Amino acid sequence: MIVALRKSFKQSGQIFVTSHNPETIRKFPDESTLYLDRRSHLEPTTARWLGDLRYNGDLVESLKRGDVTNGGE
């Protein structure tokens, strides 16, 4: 699936994909991946480029632990 998506959108275009599959998440570069987050269901969702955020080690494990932070923090 990842290879087909990359070939289809290599020259131009965009696609919006959501996934909870760790391998799928790891295959997309931080610079082209948005991180959507909200503190509670009462607050608005924020969208930030994953490349602008800070995390240690593996992205998926950092997401599980809640260790992804704003690069400016």
PDB file of N, CA and C in Angstrom:
ATOM      1  N   MET A   1       0.809  -1.182   0.000  1.00  0.00           N
ATOM      2  CA  MET A   1       0.000   0.000   0.000  1.00  0.00           C
ATOM      3  C   MET A   1       0.865   1.263   0.000  1.00  0.00           C
ATOM      4  N   ILE A   2       1.893   1.294   0.829  1.00  0.00           N
ATOM      5  CA  ILE A   2       2.754   2.467   0.932  1.00  0.00           C
ATOM      6  C   ILE A   2       3.452   2.743  -0.403  1.00  0.00           C
ATOM      7  N   VAL A   3       3.964   1.707  -1.043  1.00  0.00           N
ATOM      8  CA  VAL A   3       4.666   1.871  -2.322  1.00  0.00           C
ATOM      9  C   VAL A   3       3.703   2.415  -3.378  1.00  0.00           C
ATOM     10  N   ALA A   4       2.503   1.892  -3.426  1.00  0.00           N
ATOM     11  CA  ALA A   4       1.515   2.352  -4.403  1.00  0.00           C
ATOM     12  C   ALA A   4       1.156   3.817  -4.165  1.00  0.00           C
ATOM     13  N   LEU A   5       1.000   4.221  -2.925  1.00  0.00           N
ATOM     14  CA  LEU A   5       0.694   5.617  -2.613  1.00  0.00           C
ATOM     15  C   LEU A   5       1.827   6.541  -3.026  1.00  0.00           C
ATOM     16  N   ARG A   6       3.052   6.145  -2.720  1.00  0.00           N
ATOM     17  CA  ARG A   6       4.201   6.982  -3.076  1.00  0.00           C
ATOM     18  C   ARG A   6       4.321   7.145  -4.592  1.00  0.00           C
ATOM     19  N   LYS A   7       4.107   6.075  -5.335  1.00  0.00           N
ATOM     20  CA  LYS A   7       4.170   6.154  -6.797  1.00  0.00           C
ATOM     21  C   LYS A   7       3.057   7.038  -7.344  1.00  0.00           C
ATOM     22  N   SER A   8       1.873   6.915  -6.800  1.00  0.00           N
ATOM     23  CA  SER A   8       0.726   7.672  -7.296  1.00  0.00           C
ATOM     24  C   SER A   8       0.859   9.165  -7.054  1.00  0.00           C
ATOM     25  N   PHE A   9       1.510   9.553  -5.971  1.00  0.00           N
ATOM     26  CA  PHE A   9       1.581  10.959  -5.596  1.00  0.00           C
ATOM     27  C   PHE A   9       3.000  11.513  -5.642  1.00  0.00           C
ATOM     28  N   LYS A  10       3.878  10.849  -6.389  1.00  0.00           N
ATOM     29  CA  LYS A  10       5.282  11.261  -6.444  1.00  0.00           C
ATOM     30  C   LYS A  10       5.459  12.640  -7.071  1.00  0.00           C
ATOM     31  N   GLN A  11       4.768  12.928  -8.154  1.00  0.00           N
ATOM     32  CA  GLN A  11       4.936  14.190  -8.868  1.00  0.00           C
ATOM     33  C   GLN A  11       4.098  15.316  -8.278  1.00  0.00           C
ATOM     34  N   SER A  12       2.852  15.050  -7.977  1.00  0.00           N
ATOM     35  CA  SER A  12       1.986  16.097  -7.441  1.00  0.00           C
ATOM     36  C   SER A  12       0.763  15.470  -6.796  1.00  0.00           C
ATOM     37  N   GLY A  13      -0.007  16.329  -6.154  1.00  0.00           N
ATOM     38  CA  GLY A  13      -1.219  15.874  -5.498  1.00  0.00           C
ATOM     39  C   GLY A  13      -1.011  15.686  -4.013  1.00  0.00           C
ATOM     40  N   GLN A  14      -2.070  15.331  -3.364  1.00  0.00           N
ATOM     41  CA  GLN A  14      -1.983  15.076  -1.936  1.00  0.00           C
ATOM     42  C   GLN A  14      -2.989  14.016  -1.555  1.00  0.00           C
ATOM     43  N   ILE A  15      -2.776  13.450  -0.404  1.00  0.00           N
ATOM     44  CA  ILE A  15      -3.665  12.419   0.109  1.00  0.00           C
ATOM     45  C   ILE A  15      -3.736  12.589   1.621  1.00  0.00           C
ATOM     46  N   PHE A  16      -4.886  12.304   2.172  1.00  0.00           N
ATOM     47  CA  PHE A  16      -5.077  12.364   3.613  1.00  0.00           C
ATOM     48  C   PHE A  16      -5.330  10.947   4.091  1.00  0.00           C
ATOM     49  N   VAL A  17      -4.456  10.444   4.942  1.00  0.00           N
ATOM     50  CA  VAL A  17      -4.543   9.080   5.445  1.00  0.00           C
ATOM     51  C   VAL A  17      -4.451   9.122   6.962  1.00  0.00           C
ATOM     52  N   THR A  18      -5.269   8.343   7.607  1.00  0.00           N
ATOM     53  CA  THR A  18      -5.118   8.163   9.049  1.00  0.00           C
ATOM     54  C   THR A  18      -4.811   6.698   9.290  1.00  0.00           C
ATOM     55  N   SER A  19      -4.015   6.449  10.314  1.00  0.00           N
ATOM     56  CA  SER A  19      -3.648   5.068  10.590  1.00  0.00           C
ATOM     57  C   SER A  19      -3.258   4.902  12.046  1.00  0.00           C
ATOM     58  N   HIS A  20      -3.534   3.730  12.557  1.00  0.00           N
ATOM     59  CA  HIS A  20      -3.040   3.331  13.866  1.00  0.00           C
ATOM     60  C   HIS A  20      -2.041   2.186  13.713  1.00  0.00           C
ATOM     61  N   ASN A  21      -1.735   1.834  12.463  1.00  0.00           N
ATOM     62  CA  ASN A  21      -0.795   0.757  12.197  1.00  0.00           C
ATOM     63  C   ASN A  21       0.628   1.300  12.314  1.00  0.00           C
ATOM     64  N   PRO A  22       1.430   0.769  13.246  1.00  0.00           N
ATOM     65  CA  PRO A  22       2.777   1.292  13.462  1.00  0.00           C
ATOM     66  C   PRO A  22       3.657   1.317  12.221  1.00  0.00           C
ATOM     67  N   GLU A  23       3.624   0.283  11.398  1.00  0.00           N
ATOM     68  CA  GLU A  23       4.474   0.261  10.207  1.00  0.00           C
ATOM     69  C   GLU A  23       4.062   1.322   9.200  1.00  0.00           C
ATOM     70  N   THR A  24       2.781   1.551   9.055  1.00  0.00           N
ATOM     71  CA  THR A  24       2.319   2.594   8.144  1.00  0.00           C
ATOM     72  C   THR A  24       2.780   3.958   8.632  1.00  0.00           C
ATOM     73  N   ILE A  25       2.652   4.218   9.902  1.00  0.00           N
ATOM     74  CA  ILE A  25       3.074   5.498  10.485  1.00  0.00           C
ATOM     75  C   ILE A  25       4.569   5.715  10.264  1.00  0.00           C
ATOM     76  N   ARG A  26       5.360   4.686  10.444  1.00  0.00           N
ATOM     77  CA  ARG A  26       6.817   4.804  10.313  1.00  0.00           C
ATOM     78  C   ARG A  26       7.271   5.046   8.875  1.00  0.00           C
ATOM     79  N   LYS A  27       6.465   4.695   7.898  1.00  0.00           N
ATOM     80  CA  LYS A  27       6.865   4.784   6.490  1.00  0.00           C
ATOM     81  C   LYS A  27       6.750   6.185   5.892  1.00  0.00           C
ATOM     82  N   PHE A  28       6.031   7.077   6.540  1.00  0.00           N
ATOM     83  CA  PHE A  28       5.875   8.425   5.999  1.00  0.00           C
ATOM     84  C   PHE A  28       6.849   9.364   6.697  1.00  0.00           C
ATOM     85  N   PRO A  29       7.476  10.284   5.937  1.00  0.00           N
ATOM     86  CA  PRO A  29       8.457  11.194   6.531  1.00  0.00           C
ATOM     87  C   PRO A  29       7.806  12.233   7.450  1.00  0.00           C
ATOM     88  N   ASP A  30       8.533  12.613   8.490  1.00  0.00           N
ATOM     89  CA  ASP A  30       8.042  13.606   9.447  1.00  0.00           C
ATOM     90  C   ASP A  30       7.668  14.922   8.777  1.00  0.00           C
ATOM     91  N   GLU A  31       8.403  15.300   7.731  1.00  0.00           N
ATOM     92  CA  GLU A  31       8.194  16.588   7.074  1.00  0.00           C
ATOM     93  C   GLU A  31       6.862  16.677   6.331  1.00  0.00           C
ATOM     94  N   SER A  32       6.263  15.535   6.020  1.00  0.00           N
ATOM     95  CA  SER A  32       4.999  15.562   5.280  1.00  0.00           C
ATOM     96  C   SER A  32       3.859  14.930   6.068  1.00  0.00           C
ATOM     97  N   THR A  33       4.034  14.818   7.383  1.00  0.00           N
ATOM     98  CA  THR A  33       3.031  14.185   8.223  1.00  0.00           C
ATOM     99  C   THR A  33       2.514  15.174   9.257  1.00  0.00           C
ATOM    100  N   LEU A  34       1.210  15.340   9.319  1.00  0.00           N
ATOM    101  CA  LEU A  34       0.597  16.187  10.331  1.00  0.00           C
ATOM    102  C   LEU A  34       0.269  15.370  11.570  1.00  0.00           C
ATOM    103  N   TYR A  35       0.501  15.958  12.718  1.00  0.00           N
ATOM    104  CA  TYR A  35       0.166  15.354  14.010  1.00  0.00           C
ATOM    105  C   TYR A  35      -1.059  16.084  14.535  1.00  0.00           C
ATOM    106  N   LEU A  36      -2.159  15.368  14.680  1.00  0.00           N
ATOM    107  CA  LEU A  36      -3.398  15.945  15.184  1.00  0.00           C
ATOM    108  C   LEU A  36      -3.555  15.577  16.650  1.00  0.00           C
ATOM    109  N   ASP A  37      -3.868  16.572  17.468  1.00  0.00           N
ATOM    110  CA  ASP A  37      -3.940  16.321  18.907  1.00  0.00           C
ATOM    111  C   ASP A  37      -4.969  17.242  19.541  1.00  0.00           C
ATOM    112  N   ARG A  38      -5.525  16.793  20.636  1.00  0.00           N
ATOM    113  CA  ARG A  38      -6.356  17.658  21.478  1.00  0.00           C
ATOM    114  C   ARG A  38      -6.267  17.139  22.900  1.00  0.00           C
ATOM    115  N   ARG A  39      -6.346  18.045  23.826  1.00  0.00           N
ATOM    116  CA  ARG A  39      -6.182  17.704  25.245  1.00  0.00           C
ATOM    117  C   ARG A  39      -7.397  16.981  25.801  1.00  0.00           C
ATOM    118  N   SER A  40      -8.572  17.325  25.302  1.00  0.00           N
ATOM    119  CA  SER A  40      -9.805  16.643  25.720  1.00  0.00           C
ATOM    120  C   SER A  40     -10.834  16.807  24.623  1.00  0.00           C
ATOM    121  N   HIS A  41     -11.952  16.120  24.761  1.00  0.00           N
ATOM    122  CA  HIS A  41     -13.006  16.224  23.752  1.00  0.00           C
ATOM    123  C   HIS A  41     -13.674  17.602  23.766  1.00  0.00           C
ATOM    124  N   LEU A  42     -13.397  18.396  24.776  1.00  0.00           N
ATOM    125  CA  LEU A  42     -13.967  19.740  24.873  1.00  0.00           C
ATOM    126  C   LEU A  42     -13.119  20.807  24.189  1.00  0.00           C
ATOM    127  N   GLU A  43     -11.887  20.474  23.846  1.00  0.00           N
ATOM    128  CA  GLU A  43     -10.977  21.445  23.250  1.00  0.00           C
ATOM    129  C   GLU A  43     -10.822  21.186  21.752  1.00  0.00           C
ATOM    130  N   PRO A  44     -10.458  22.235  21.002  1.00  0.00           N
ATOM    131  CA  PRO A  44     -10.280  22.046  19.553  1.00  0.00           C
ATOM    132  C   PRO A  44      -9.041  21.215  19.234  1.00  0.00           C
ATOM    133  N   THR A  45      -9.080  20.572  18.100  1.00  0.00           N
ATOM    134  CA  THR A  45      -7.946  19.788  17.630  1.00  0.00           C
ATOM    135  C   THR A  45      -6.885  20.727  17.062  1.00  0.00           C
ATOM    136  N   THR A  46      -5.636  20.466  17.393  1.00  0.00           N
ATOM    137  CA  THR A  46      -4.523  21.223  16.820  1.00  0.00           C
ATOM    138  C   THR A  46      -3.820  20.338  15.794  1.00  0.00           C
ATOM    139  N   ALA A  47      -3.298  20.965  14.743  1.00  0.00           N
ATOM    140  CA  ALA A  47      -2.557  20.249  13.701  1.00  0.00           C
ATOM    141  C   ALA A  47      -1.178  20.872  13.602  1.00  0.00           C
ATOM    142  N   ARG A  48      -0.144  20.028  13.742  1.00  0.00           N
ATOM    143  CA  ARG A  48       1.235  20.498  13.623  1.00  0.00           C
ATOM    144  C   ARG A  48       2.007  19.496  12.783  1.00  0.00           C
ATOM    145  N   TRP A  49       2.978  20.005  12.020  1.00  0.00           N
ATOM    146  CA  TRP A  49       3.827  19.106  11.240  1.00  0.00           C
ATOM    147  C   TRP A  49       4.674  18.286  12.196  1.00  0.00           C
ATOM    148  N   LEU A  50       4.740  17.001  11.955  1.00  0.00           N
ATOM    149  CA  LEU A  50       5.510  16.120  12.823  1.00  0.00           C
ATOM    150  C   LEU A  50       6.980  16.516  12.839  1.00  0.00           C
ATOM    151  N   GLY A  51       7.485  17.031  11.725  1.00  0.00           N
ATOM    152  CA  GLY A  51       8.871  17.479  11.664  1.00  0.00           C
ATOM    153  C   GLY A  51       9.173  18.644  12.597  1.00  0.00           C
ATOM    154  N   ASP A  52       8.136  19.374  13.021  1.00  0.00           N
ATOM    155  CA  ASP A  52       8.316  20.495  13.944  1.00  0.00           C
ATOM    156  C   ASP A  52       8.242  20.069  15.404  1.00  0.00           C
ATOM    157  N   LEU A  53       7.934  18.824  15.634  1.00  0.00           N
ATOM    158  CA  LEU A  53       7.794  18.322  16.998  1.00  0.00           C
ATOM    159  C   LEU A  53       9.051  17.588  17.445  1.00  0.00           C
ATOM    160  N   ARG A  54       9.120  17.358  18.733  1.00  0.00           N
ATOM    161  CA  ARG A  54      10.277  16.682  19.303  1.00  0.00           C
ATOM    162  C   ARG A  54       9.834  15.374  19.948  1.00  0.00           C
ATOM    163  N   TYR A  55      10.593  14.335  19.693  1.00  0.00           N
ATOM    164  CA  TYR A  55      10.358  13.053  20.353  1.00  0.00           C
ATOM    165  C   TYR A  55      11.664  12.283  20.395  1.00  0.00           C
ATOM    166  N   ASN A  56      11.783  11.389  21.349  1.00  0.00           N
ATOM    167  CA  ASN A  56      12.999  10.590  21.509  1.00  0.00           C
ATOM    168  C   ASN A  56      12.776   9.182  20.995  1.00  0.00           C
ATOM    169  N   GLY A  57      13.741   8.687  20.231  1.00  0.00           N
ATOM    170  CA  GLY A  57      13.676   7.309  19.755  1.00  0.00           C
ATOM    171  C   GLY A  57      12.602   7.098  18.714  1.00  0.00           C
ATOM    172  N   ASP A  58      11.884   6.018  18.846  1.00  0.00           N
ATOM    173  CA  ASP A  58      10.870   5.596  17.888  1.00  0.00           C
ATOM    174  C   ASP A  58       9.602   6.443  18.018  1.00  0.00           C
ATOM    175  N   LEU A  59       9.117   6.960  16.892  1.00  0.00           N
ATOM    176  CA  LEU A  59       7.922   7.802  16.887  1.00  0.00           C
ATOM    177  C   LEU A  59       6.718   7.095  17.490  1.00  0.00           C
ATOM    178  N   VAL A  60       6.446   5.879  17.065  1.00  0.00           N
ATOM    179  CA  VAL A  60       5.258   5.160  17.533  1.00  0.00           C
ATOM    180  C   VAL A  60       5.310   4.952  19.043  1.00  0.00           C
ATOM    181  N   GLU A  61       6.452   4.562  19.557  1.00  0.00           N
ATOM    182  CA  GLU A  61       6.575   4.372  21.011  1.00  0.00           C
ATOM    183  C   GLU A  61       6.413   5.692  21.751  1.00  0.00           C
ATOM    184  N   SER A  62       6.941   6.785  21.192  1.00  0.00           N
ATOM    185  CA  SER A  62       6.779   8.108  21.804  1.00  0.00           C
ATOM    186  C   SER A  62       5.311   8.527  21.819  1.00  0.00           C
ATOM    187  N   LEU A  63       4.594   8.232  20.738  1.00  0.00           N
ATOM    188  CA  LEU A  63       3.167   8.537  20.690  1.00  0.00           C
ATOM    189  C   LEU A  63       2.406   7.752  21.757  1.00  0.00           C
ATOM    190  N   LYS A  64       2.731   6.482  21.916  1.00  0.00           N
ATOM    191  CA  LYS A  64       2.074   5.659  22.932  1.00  0.00           C
ATOM    192  C   LYS A  64       2.290   6.213  24.337  1.00  0.00           C
ATOM    193  N   ARG A  65       3.504   6.693  24.587  1.00  0.00           N
ATOM    194  CA  ARG A  65       3.846   7.216  25.921  1.00  0.00           C
ATOM    195  C   ARG A  65       3.350   8.646  26.126  1.00  0.00           C
ATOM    196  N   GLY A  66       2.957   9.319  25.043  1.00  0.00           N
ATOM    197  CA  GLY A  66       2.553  10.716  25.144  1.00  0.00           C
ATOM    198  C   GLY A  66       3.749  11.642  25.270  1.00  0.00           C
ATOM    199  N   ASP A  67       4.898  11.228  24.722  1.00  0.00           N
ATOM    200  CA  ASP A  67       6.130  11.984  24.847  1.00  0.00           C
ATOM    201  C   ASP A  67       6.421  12.900  23.666  1.00  0.00           C
ATOM    202  N   VAL A  68       5.473  13.083  22.762  1.00  0.00           N
ATOM    203  CA  VAL A  68       5.689  13.979  21.626  1.00  0.00           C
ATOM    204  C   VAL A  68       5.396  15.390  22.101  1.00  0.00           C
ATOM    205  N   THR A  69       6.354  16.304  21.925  1.00  0.00           N
ATOM    206  CA  THR A  69       6.183  17.678  22.392  1.00  0.00           C
ATOM    207  C   THR A  69       6.433  18.661  21.266  1.00  0.00           C
ATOM    208  N   ASN A  70       5.978  19.865  21.459  1.00  0.00           N
ATOM    209  CA  ASN A  70       6.222  20.952  20.516  1.00  0.00           C
ATOM    210  C   ASN A  70       7.702  21.227  20.491  1.00  0.00           C
ATOM    211  N   GLY A  71       8.266  21.412  19.296  1.00  0.00           N
ATOM    212  CA  GLY A  71       9.699  21.672  19.169  1.00  0.00           C
ATOM    213  C   GLY A  71      10.175  22.872  19.960  1.00  0.00           C
ATOM    214  N   GLY A  72       9.285  23.804  20.243  1.00  0.00           N
ATOM    215  CA  GLY A  72       9.638  24.998  21.001  1.00  0.00           C
ATOM    216  C   GLY A  72       9.567  24.825  22.505  1.00  0.00           C
ATOM    217  N   GLU A  73       9.049  23.698  22.971  1.00  0.00           N
ATOM    218  CA  GLU A  73       8.902  23.475  24.417  1.00  0.00           C
ATOM    219  C   GLU A  73      10.193  23.009  25.045  1.00  0.00           C
TER     220      GLU A  73
END
